[in-house]
Amino acid sequence: MKIYNSLVLPTFLYGSENWTLTALQRRRIEAAEMKLLRPQKGYALYDHKTNDYIRREIRITGLLHKIDEFRQNWLSHLQRMPQNRIPLKSYHYRPQGRRTIGRPKKRWREQFNSGDGTDQRVQTLLFMMMMMIMMMIMILLLIRVIHFNIEKIQEVKYSRLCI
């Protein structure tokens, strides 16, 4: 595993934050990774062990997951950049003119949303959950303030009665 972590991973992942991967390329990367990991763990293809099972046994995350993580890190780095930086300008660049005939090429920024919009739905659900949690916290704080004020009012009434 030391060789895998020190040689194979950096070689596989070099520049991966800027790759635009198609589904075929993603399958090929996973196949290449598993061709390396199966013999290391002592499994052959006919042992019928799933890729996730082998990864859990070795306690590693998949290359595709790391590529996606690197890509997300690069995107957040881009968003923090000042406006005059060249990488940020190239990210926001929109070419002028006509496009070629046929299916448009997949762009780097389009990889963050799958075709059916599941990533956008997940982000929306997470946002809504965060808003609900914030609302619950606000309600609890409001209840606390009201309870405190009621105690103060009762204390004042009791002190007036005692006088």
N, C-alpha and C. Protein backbone atom coordinates (compact mmCIF):
# COMPACT_ATOMS: atom_id res chain seq x y z
N MET A 1 0.81 -1.19 0.00
CA MET A 1 0.00 0.00 0.00
C MET A 1 0.86 1.26 0.00
N LYS A 2 2.09 1.15 0.51
CA LYS A 2 2.97 2.33 0.49
C LYS A 2 3.29 2.73 -0.94
N ILE A 3 3.52 1.73 -1.80
CA ILE A 3 3.82 2.03 -3.20
C ILE A 3 2.59 2.65 -3.86
N TYR A 4 1.43 2.12 -3.56
CA TYR A 4 0.19 2.65 -4.13
C TYR A 4 0.00 4.11 -3.73
N ASN A 5 0.19 4.40 -2.43
CA ASN A 5 -0.03 5.76 -1.95
C ASN A 5 1.05 6.73 -2.40
N SER A 6 2.29 6.25 -2.55
CA SER A 6 3.37 7.18 -2.86
C SER A 6 3.65 7.30 -4.36
N LEU A 7 3.34 6.28 -5.15
CA LEU A 7 3.64 6.33 -6.58
C LEU A 7 2.40 6.33 -7.47
N VAL A 8 1.52 5.41 -7.22
CA VAL A 8 0.38 5.22 -8.12
C VAL A 8 -0.61 6.38 -8.02
N LEU A 9 -1.02 6.71 -6.79
CA LEU A 9 -2.01 7.79 -6.63
C LEU A 9 -1.53 9.12 -7.20
N PRO A 10 -0.32 9.59 -6.87
CA PRO A 10 0.09 10.87 -7.46
C PRO A 10 0.18 10.82 -8.98
N THR A 11 0.60 9.67 -9.53
CA THR A 11 0.68 9.55 -10.98
C THR A 11 -0.70 9.59 -11.61
N PHE A 12 -1.64 8.85 -11.02
CA PHE A 12 -3.01 8.83 -11.54
C PHE A 12 -3.67 10.20 -11.42
N LEU A 13 -3.44 10.89 -10.31
CA LEU A 13 -4.20 12.09 -10.01
C LEU A 13 -3.54 13.38 -10.47
N TYR A 14 -2.40 13.31 -11.12
CA TYR A 14 -1.70 14.53 -11.52
C TYR A 14 -2.56 15.35 -12.49
N GLY A 15 -2.92 16.53 -12.10
CA GLY A 15 -3.72 17.42 -12.94
C GLY A 15 -5.18 17.03 -13.05
N SER A 16 -5.63 16.11 -12.21
CA SER A 16 -7.00 15.60 -12.36
C SER A 16 -8.06 16.63 -12.03
N GLU A 17 -7.71 17.68 -11.30
CA GLU A 17 -8.73 18.68 -10.97
C GLU A 17 -9.20 19.44 -12.20
N ASN A 18 -8.46 19.35 -13.30
CA ASN A 18 -8.84 20.07 -14.52
C ASN A 18 -9.36 19.15 -15.62
N TRP A 19 -9.47 17.88 -15.35
CA TRP A 19 -9.95 16.95 -16.37
C TRP A 19 -11.45 17.11 -16.57
N THR A 20 -11.87 16.86 -17.81
CA THR A 20 -13.27 16.72 -18.12
C THR A 20 -13.48 15.27 -18.50
N LEU A 21 -14.11 14.50 -17.64
CA LEU A 21 -14.23 13.05 -17.84
C LEU A 21 -15.60 12.68 -18.39
N THR A 22 -15.58 11.81 -19.39
CA THR A 22 -16.82 11.23 -19.88
C THR A 22 -17.12 9.98 -19.06
N ALA A 23 -18.29 9.41 -19.25
CA ALA A 23 -18.65 8.20 -18.51
C ALA A 23 -17.71 7.05 -18.87
N LEU A 24 -17.32 6.95 -20.15
CA LEU A 24 -16.41 5.91 -20.58
C LEU A 24 -15.05 6.06 -19.89
N GLN A 25 -14.56 7.28 -19.82
CA GLN A 25 -13.27 7.51 -19.16
C GLN A 25 -13.35 7.20 -17.67
N ARG A 26 -14.46 7.52 -17.05
CA ARG A 26 -14.62 7.20 -15.62
C ARG A 26 -14.60 5.70 -15.40
N ARG A 27 -15.27 4.95 -16.26
CA ARG A 27 -15.26 3.48 -16.14
C ARG A 27 -13.86 2.93 -16.34
N ARG A 28 -13.12 3.49 -17.28
CA ARG A 28 -11.76 3.00 -17.54
C ARG A 28 -10.82 3.30 -16.38
N ILE A 29 -10.98 4.45 -15.75
CA ILE A 29 -10.15 4.78 -14.59
C ILE A 29 -10.44 3.81 -13.45
N GLU A 30 -11.73 3.54 -13.22
CA GLU A 30 -12.08 2.60 -12.16
C GLU A 30 -11.56 1.20 -12.47
N ALA A 31 -11.64 0.79 -13.73
CA ALA A 31 -11.14 -0.54 -14.12
C ALA A 31 -9.63 -0.62 -13.91
N ALA A 32 -8.90 0.43 -14.28
CA ALA A 32 -7.45 0.42 -14.10
C ALA A 32 -7.09 0.37 -12.62
N GLU A 33 -7.84 1.11 -11.82
CA GLU A 33 -7.59 1.10 -10.38
C GLU A 33 -7.81 -0.30 -9.80
N MET A 34 -8.90 -0.93 -10.21
CA MET A 34 -9.22 -2.25 -9.65
C MET A 34 -8.27 -3.32 -10.18
N LYS A 35 -7.75 -3.17 -11.40
CA LYS A 35 -6.75 -4.12 -11.91
C LYS A 35 -5.49 -4.07 -11.06
N LEU A 36 -5.24 -2.95 -10.44
CA LEU A 36 -4.09 -2.82 -9.57
C LEU A 36 -4.41 -3.31 -8.15
N LEU A 37 -5.60 -3.03 -7.66
CA LEU A 37 -5.94 -3.35 -6.27
C LEU A 37 -6.30 -4.81 -6.04
N ARG A 38 -6.96 -5.45 -7.00
CA ARG A 38 -7.36 -6.85 -6.82
C ARG A 38 -6.18 -7.77 -6.54
N PRO A 39 -5.12 -7.75 -7.36
CA PRO A 39 -3.98 -8.63 -7.06
C PRO A 39 -3.27 -8.25 -5.75
N GLN A 40 -3.27 -6.98 -5.39
CA GLN A 40 -2.64 -6.58 -4.14
C GLN A 40 -3.35 -7.21 -2.95
N LYS A 41 -4.65 -7.34 -3.04
CA LYS A 41 -5.42 -7.93 -1.96
C LYS A 41 -5.51 -9.46 -2.09
N GLY A 42 -5.10 -9.98 -3.23
CA GLY A 42 -5.10 -11.43 -3.41
C GLY A 42 -6.36 -11.97 -4.06
N TYR A 43 -7.14 -11.11 -4.69
CA TYR A 43 -8.36 -11.54 -5.35
C TYR A 43 -8.16 -11.58 -6.85
N ALA A 44 -8.86 -12.52 -7.49
CA ALA A 44 -8.92 -12.55 -8.95
C ALA A 44 -10.32 -12.09 -9.36
N LEU A 45 -10.48 -11.83 -10.63
CA LEU A 45 -11.77 -11.35 -11.12
C LEU A 45 -12.87 -12.39 -10.90
N TYR A 46 -12.54 -13.64 -10.99
CA TYR A 46 -13.54 -14.69 -10.83
C TYR A 46 -13.92 -14.94 -9.37
N ASP A 47 -13.31 -14.25 -8.42
CA ASP A 47 -13.71 -14.35 -7.02
C ASP A 47 -15.00 -13.59 -6.74
N HIS A 48 -15.42 -12.76 -7.68
CA HIS A 48 -16.68 -12.00 -7.61
C HIS A 48 -16.77 -11.12 -6.36
N LYS A 49 -15.71 -10.42 -6.07
CA LYS A 49 -15.71 -9.43 -5.00
C LYS A 49 -15.95 -8.06 -5.63
N THR A 50 -16.88 -7.31 -5.08
CA THR A 50 -17.19 -6.01 -5.67
C THR A 50 -16.06 -5.01 -5.41
N ASN A 51 -16.05 -3.97 -6.21
CA ASN A 51 -15.02 -2.95 -6.06
C ASN A 51 -15.12 -2.28 -4.69
N ASP A 52 -16.33 -1.98 -4.26
CA ASP A 52 -16.51 -1.34 -2.96
C ASP A 52 -16.05 -2.25 -1.82
N TYR A 53 -16.31 -3.54 -1.94
CA TYR A 53 -15.87 -4.49 -0.92
C TYR A 53 -14.34 -4.48 -0.79
N ILE A 54 -13.66 -4.49 -1.92
CA ILE A 54 -12.19 -4.50 -1.91
C ILE A 54 -11.67 -3.18 -1.35
N ARG A 55 -12.28 -2.07 -1.72
CA ARG A 55 -11.84 -0.77 -1.19
C ARG A 55 -12.05 -0.68 0.31
N ARG A 56 -13.18 -1.20 0.79
CA ARG A 56 -13.42 -1.18 2.24
C ARG A 56 -12.41 -2.05 2.97
N GLU A 57 -12.07 -3.19 2.39
CA GLU A 57 -11.09 -4.08 3.01
C GLU A 57 -9.71 -3.43 3.10
N ILE A 58 -9.32 -2.73 2.05
CA ILE A 58 -8.02 -2.07 2.02
C ILE A 58 -8.07 -0.74 2.77
N ARG A 59 -9.28 -0.22 2.99
CA ARG A 59 -9.51 1.07 3.67
C ARG A 59 -8.96 2.24 2.85
N ILE A 60 -9.38 2.30 1.59
CA ILE A 60 -9.02 3.44 0.74
C ILE A 60 -10.29 3.96 0.07
N THR A 61 -10.20 5.19 -0.40
CA THR A 61 -11.30 5.74 -1.19
C THR A 61 -10.95 5.58 -2.67
N GLY A 62 -11.95 5.55 -3.50
CA GLY A 62 -11.73 5.33 -4.92
C GLY A 62 -11.09 6.53 -5.60
N LEU A 63 -10.45 6.26 -6.71
CA LEU A 63 -9.81 7.33 -7.48
C LEU A 63 -10.82 8.34 -7.98
N LEU A 64 -11.97 7.88 -8.41
CA LEU A 64 -12.98 8.79 -8.93
C LEU A 64 -13.48 9.74 -7.84
N HIS A 65 -13.60 9.20 -6.63
CA HIS A 65 -14.00 10.04 -5.51
C HIS A 65 -12.93 11.10 -5.23
N LYS A 66 -11.68 10.70 -5.29
CA LYS A 66 -10.59 11.66 -5.06
C LYS A 66 -10.53 12.69 -6.18
N ILE A 67 -10.76 12.26 -7.41
CA ILE A 67 -10.78 13.21 -8.53
C ILE A 67 -11.88 14.24 -8.32
N ASP A 68 -13.07 13.78 -7.92
CA ASP A 68 -14.18 14.70 -7.66
C ASP A 68 -13.84 15.64 -6.50
N GLU A 69 -13.18 15.11 -5.48
CA GLU A 69 -12.77 15.93 -4.34
C GLU A 69 -11.75 16.98 -4.77
N PHE A 70 -10.76 16.60 -5.58
CA PHE A 70 -9.77 17.55 -6.09
C PHE A 70 -10.46 18.63 -6.93
N ARG A 71 -11.43 18.21 -7.72
CA ARG A 71 -12.15 19.16 -8.58
C ARG A 71 -12.93 20.16 -7.73
N GLN A 72 -13.58 19.68 -6.68
CA GLN A 72 -14.31 20.57 -5.78
C GLN A 72 -13.36 21.54 -5.08
N ASN A 73 -12.19 21.05 -4.67
CA ASN A 73 -11.21 21.92 -4.04
C ASN A 73 -10.75 23.00 -5.01
N TRP A 74 -10.54 22.62 -6.27
CA TRP A 74 -10.10 23.60 -7.26
C TRP A 74 -11.20 24.64 -7.51
N LEU A 75 -12.45 24.19 -7.55
CA LEU A 75 -13.56 25.12 -7.75
C LEU A 75 -13.64 26.10 -6.60
N SER A 76 -13.52 25.63 -5.37
CA SER A 76 -13.57 26.55 -4.23
C SER A 76 -12.36 27.48 -4.25
N HIS A 77 -11.22 27.00 -4.70
CA HIS A 77 -10.04 27.86 -4.84
C HIS A 77 -10.29 28.94 -5.91
N LEU A 78 -10.92 28.55 -7.01
CA LEU A 78 -11.25 29.51 -8.05
C LEU A 78 -12.19 30.61 -7.52
N GLN A 79 -13.14 30.21 -6.71
CA GLN A 79 -14.11 31.17 -6.20
C GLN A 79 -13.50 32.14 -5.21
N ARG A 80 -12.40 31.76 -4.58
CA ARG A 80 -11.73 32.66 -3.65
C ARG A 80 -10.73 33.59 -4.34
N MET A 81 -10.42 33.35 -5.61
CA MET A 81 -9.41 34.13 -6.32
C MET A 81 -9.88 35.55 -6.58
N PRO A 82 -8.92 36.50 -6.62
CA PRO A 82 -9.27 37.86 -7.04
C PRO A 82 -9.69 37.87 -8.51
N GLN A 83 -10.45 38.87 -8.89
CA GLN A 83 -11.04 38.93 -10.23
C GLN A 83 -10.00 39.03 -11.35
N ASN A 84 -8.79 39.51 -11.06
CA ASN A 84 -7.81 39.71 -12.12
C ASN A 84 -6.97 38.48 -12.43
N ARG A 85 -7.18 37.36 -11.74
CA ARG A 85 -6.39 36.16 -11.98
C ARG A 85 -6.81 35.46 -13.26
N ILE A 86 -5.85 34.96 -14.01
CA ILE A 86 -6.10 34.32 -15.30
C ILE A 86 -6.97 33.06 -15.18
N PRO A 87 -6.72 32.16 -14.20
CA PRO A 87 -7.60 30.98 -14.11
C PRO A 87 -9.07 31.35 -13.91
N LEU A 88 -9.33 32.38 -13.12
CA LEU A 88 -10.71 32.79 -12.90
C LEU A 88 -11.30 33.40 -14.16
N LYS A 89 -10.51 34.18 -14.88
CA LYS A 89 -10.98 34.75 -16.14
C LYS A 89 -11.30 33.66 -17.15
N SER A 90 -10.46 32.62 -17.21
CA SER A 90 -10.72 31.54 -18.15
C SER A 90 -11.94 30.72 -17.73
N TYR A 91 -12.20 30.64 -16.44
CA TYR A 91 -13.38 29.93 -15.95
C TYR A 91 -14.66 30.66 -16.38
N HIS A 92 -14.64 31.98 -16.32
CA HIS A 92 -15.82 32.77 -16.67
C HIS A 92 -15.89 33.12 -18.15
N TYR A 93 -14.92 32.71 -18.94
CA TYR A 93 -14.88 33.06 -20.36
C TYR A 93 -16.03 32.41 -21.12
N ARG A 94 -16.70 33.18 -21.96
CA ARG A 94 -17.75 32.67 -22.84
C ARG A 94 -17.35 33.02 -24.26
N PRO A 95 -17.05 32.03 -25.11
CA PRO A 95 -16.62 32.34 -26.48
C PRO A 95 -17.75 32.94 -27.29
N GLN A 96 -17.37 33.79 -28.23
CA GLN A 96 -18.34 34.42 -29.12
C GLN A 96 -18.41 33.63 -30.42
N GLY A 97 -19.49 33.74 -31.12
CA GLY A 97 -19.61 33.08 -32.41
C GLY A 97 -20.47 31.83 -32.36
N ARG A 98 -20.41 31.08 -33.45
CA ARG A 98 -21.23 29.88 -33.58
C ARG A 98 -20.49 28.67 -33.08
N ARG A 99 -21.25 27.69 -32.62
CA ARG A 99 -20.67 26.43 -32.17
C ARG A 99 -20.66 25.45 -33.33
N THR A 100 -19.87 24.40 -33.17
CA THR A 100 -19.80 23.39 -34.22
C THR A 100 -21.07 22.56 -34.25
N ILE A 101 -21.27 21.86 -35.34
CA ILE A 101 -22.45 21.02 -35.50
C ILE A 101 -22.28 19.77 -34.65
N GLY A 102 -23.36 19.28 -34.09
CA GLY A 102 -23.32 18.05 -33.30
C GLY A 102 -23.48 18.32 -31.81
N ARG A 103 -23.28 17.26 -31.08
CA ARG A 103 -23.42 17.35 -29.63
C ARG A 103 -22.32 18.23 -29.05
N PRO A 104 -22.68 19.16 -28.16
CA PRO A 104 -21.66 20.04 -27.59
C PRO A 104 -20.71 19.26 -26.69
N LYS A 105 -19.47 19.70 -26.65
CA LYS A 105 -18.48 19.08 -25.78
C LYS A 105 -18.84 19.38 -24.33
N LYS A 106 -18.55 18.42 -23.47
CA LYS A 106 -18.80 18.60 -22.05
C LYS A 106 -17.76 19.55 -21.48
N ARG A 107 -18.20 20.54 -20.77
CA ARG A 107 -17.27 21.51 -20.19
C ARG A 107 -16.96 21.14 -18.74
N TRP A 108 -15.88 21.70 -18.25
CA TRP A 108 -15.42 21.37 -16.90
C TRP A 108 -16.47 21.71 -15.86
N ARG A 109 -17.10 22.87 -15.97
CA ARG A 109 -18.05 23.29 -14.95
C ARG A 109 -19.33 22.48 -14.98
N GLU A 110 -19.61 21.82 -16.12
CA GLU A 110 -20.83 21.02 -16.23
C GLU A 110 -20.71 19.68 -15.54
N GLN A 111 -19.53 19.31 -15.09
CA GLN A 111 -19.37 18.04 -14.41
C GLN A 111 -19.91 18.06 -13.00
N PHE A 112 -20.15 19.23 -12.44
CA PHE A 112 -20.64 19.30 -11.08
C PHE A 112 -22.11 18.98 -10.99
N ASN A 113 -22.84 19.09 -12.08
CA ASN A 113 -24.25 18.73 -12.12
C ASN A 113 -24.42 17.59 -13.10
N SER A 114 -25.03 16.51 -12.63
CA SER A 114 -25.29 15.41 -13.54
C SER A 114 -26.45 15.77 -14.45
N GLY A 115 -26.68 14.98 -15.46
CA GLY A 115 -27.71 15.29 -16.45
C GLY A 115 -29.10 15.38 -15.88
N ASP A 116 -29.40 14.60 -14.84
CA ASP A 116 -30.74 14.63 -14.29
C ASP A 116 -30.89 15.64 -13.16
N GLY A 117 -29.83 16.39 -12.85
CA GLY A 117 -29.91 17.44 -11.85
C GLY A 117 -29.89 16.95 -10.42
N THR A 118 -29.43 15.72 -10.17
CA THR A 118 -29.45 15.20 -8.80
C THR A 118 -28.57 16.01 -7.87
N ASP A 119 -27.42 16.46 -8.36
CA ASP A 119 -26.54 17.23 -7.50
C ASP A 119 -27.21 18.53 -7.07
N GLN A 120 -27.93 19.16 -7.99
CA GLN A 120 -28.63 20.39 -7.66
C GLN A 120 -29.73 20.11 -6.65
N ARG A 121 -30.42 18.98 -6.80
CA ARG A 121 -31.47 18.63 -5.85
C ARG A 121 -30.89 18.37 -4.47
N VAL A 122 -29.74 17.69 -4.42
CA VAL A 122 -29.09 17.42 -3.14
C VAL A 122 -28.69 18.73 -2.47
N GLN A 123 -28.12 19.64 -3.25
CA GLN A 123 -27.73 20.93 -2.69
C GLN A 123 -28.95 21.69 -2.18
N THR A 124 -30.04 21.63 -2.91
CA THR A 124 -31.26 22.30 -2.49
C THR A 124 -31.79 21.69 -1.20
N LEU A 125 -31.80 20.36 -1.11
CA LEU A 125 -32.26 19.69 0.11
C LEU A 125 -31.38 20.05 1.30
N LEU A 126 -30.06 20.06 1.10
CA LEU A 126 -29.16 20.43 2.19
C LEU A 126 -29.41 21.86 2.64
N PHE A 127 -29.61 22.75 1.68
CA PHE A 127 -29.90 24.14 2.03
C PHE A 127 -31.19 24.23 2.83
N MET A 128 -32.23 23.50 2.38
CA MET A 128 -33.51 23.54 3.09
C MET A 128 -33.37 22.97 4.50
N MET A 129 -32.58 21.90 4.64
CA MET A 129 -32.37 21.32 5.97
C MET A 129 -31.65 22.31 6.87
N MET A 130 -30.66 22.99 6.32
CA MET A 130 -29.94 24.00 7.12
C MET A 130 -30.89 25.11 7.55
N MET A 131 -31.76 25.53 6.65
CA MET A 131 -32.71 26.58 6.99
C MET A 131 -33.68 26.11 8.08
N MET A 132 -34.12 24.86 7.99
CA MET A 132 -35.02 24.32 9.01
C MET A 132 -34.33 24.25 10.36
N ILE A 133 -33.08 23.84 10.37
CA ILE A 133 -32.33 23.77 11.62
C ILE A 133 -32.18 25.17 12.22
N MET A 134 -31.87 26.13 11.36
CA MET A 134 -31.75 27.51 11.85
C MET A 134 -33.08 28.02 12.40
N MET A 135 -34.17 27.67 11.73
CA MET A 135 -35.48 28.08 12.22
C MET A 135 -35.78 27.44 13.57
N MET A 136 -35.44 26.17 13.73
CA MET A 136 -35.68 25.49 15.00
C MET A 136 -34.86 26.14 16.11
N ILE A 137 -33.62 26.49 15.81
CA ILE A 137 -32.79 27.16 16.81
C ILE A 137 -33.39 28.51 17.18
N MET A 138 -33.87 29.24 16.17
CA MET A 138 -34.50 30.54 16.45
C MET A 138 -35.75 30.37 17.32
N ILE A 139 -36.55 29.34 17.03
CA ILE A 139 -37.76 29.10 17.82
C ILE A 139 -37.39 28.74 19.25
N LEU A 140 -36.37 27.90 19.42
CA LEU A 140 -35.95 27.55 20.77
C LEU A 140 -35.45 28.77 21.54
N LEU A 141 -34.69 29.63 20.86
CA LEU A 141 -34.23 30.85 21.51
C LEU A 141 -35.40 31.76 21.87
N LEU A 142 -36.36 31.85 20.98
CA LEU A 142 -37.55 32.66 21.25
C LEU A 142 -38.32 32.11 22.44
N ILE A 143 -38.48 30.81 22.52
CA ILE A 143 -39.17 30.19 23.66
C ILE A 143 -38.42 30.49 24.94
N ARG A 144 -37.11 30.44 24.87
CA ARG A 144 -36.29 30.73 26.05
C ARG A 144 -36.48 32.17 26.51
N VAL A 145 -36.49 33.09 25.56
CA VAL A 145 -36.69 34.51 25.90
C VAL A 145 -38.07 34.73 26.48
N ILE A 146 -39.06 34.13 25.88
CA ILE A 146 -40.43 34.27 26.39
C ILE A 146 -40.53 33.69 27.79
N HIS A 147 -39.96 32.53 28.01
CA HIS A 147 -40.00 31.90 29.33
C HIS A 147 -39.30 32.78 30.35
N PHE A 148 -38.16 33.36 29.97
CA PHE A 148 -37.42 34.25 30.87
C PHE A 148 -38.26 35.48 31.21
N ASN A 149 -38.91 36.05 30.19
CA ASN A 149 -39.75 37.24 30.42
C ASN A 149 -40.94 36.91 31.29
N ILE A 150 -41.53 35.74 31.11
CA ILE A 150 -42.67 35.34 31.95
C ILE A 150 -42.22 35.22 33.40
N GLU A 151 -41.05 34.64 33.62
CA GLU A 151 -40.53 34.52 34.99
C GLU A 151 -40.31 35.90 35.60
N LYS A 152 -39.78 36.83 34.81
CA LYS A 152 -39.55 38.19 35.30
C LYS A 152 -40.87 38.87 35.65
N ILE A 153 -41.89 38.70 34.80
CA ILE A 153 -43.20 39.31 35.04
C ILE A 153 -43.81 38.72 36.31
N GLN A 154 -43.72 37.41 36.47
CA GLN A 154 -44.27 36.77 37.67
C GLN A 154 -43.51 37.23 38.91
N GLU A 155 -42.22 37.41 38.76
CA GLU A 155 -41.41 37.87 39.89
C GLU A 155 -41.82 39.28 40.30
N VAL A 156 -42.05 40.14 39.30
CA VAL A 156 -42.47 41.51 39.58
C VAL A 156 -43.86 41.51 40.23
N LYS A 157 -44.78 40.71 39.73
CA LYS A 157 -46.13 40.62 40.31
C LYS A 157 -46.06 40.11 41.74
N TYR A 158 -45.23 39.12 41.97
CA TYR A 158 -45.11 38.55 43.31
C TYR A 158 -44.52 39.58 44.26
N SER A 159 -43.53 40.33 43.79
CA SER A 159 -42.92 41.35 44.66
C SER A 159 -43.92 42.47 44.97
N ARG A 160 -44.79 42.80 44.01
CA ARG A 160 -45.80 43.85 44.25
C ARG A 160 -46.84 43.34 45.24
N LEU A 161 -47.17 42.05 45.14
CA LEU A 161 -48.15 41.49 46.07
C LEU A 161 -47.61 41.45 47.50
N CYS A 162 -46.35 41.25 47.62
CA CYS A 162 -45.74 41.14 48.94
C CYS A 162 -45.60 42.50 49.61
N ILE A 163 -45.64 43.55 48.86
CA ILE A 163 -45.44 44.87 49.43
C ILE A 163 -46.68 45.38 50.09
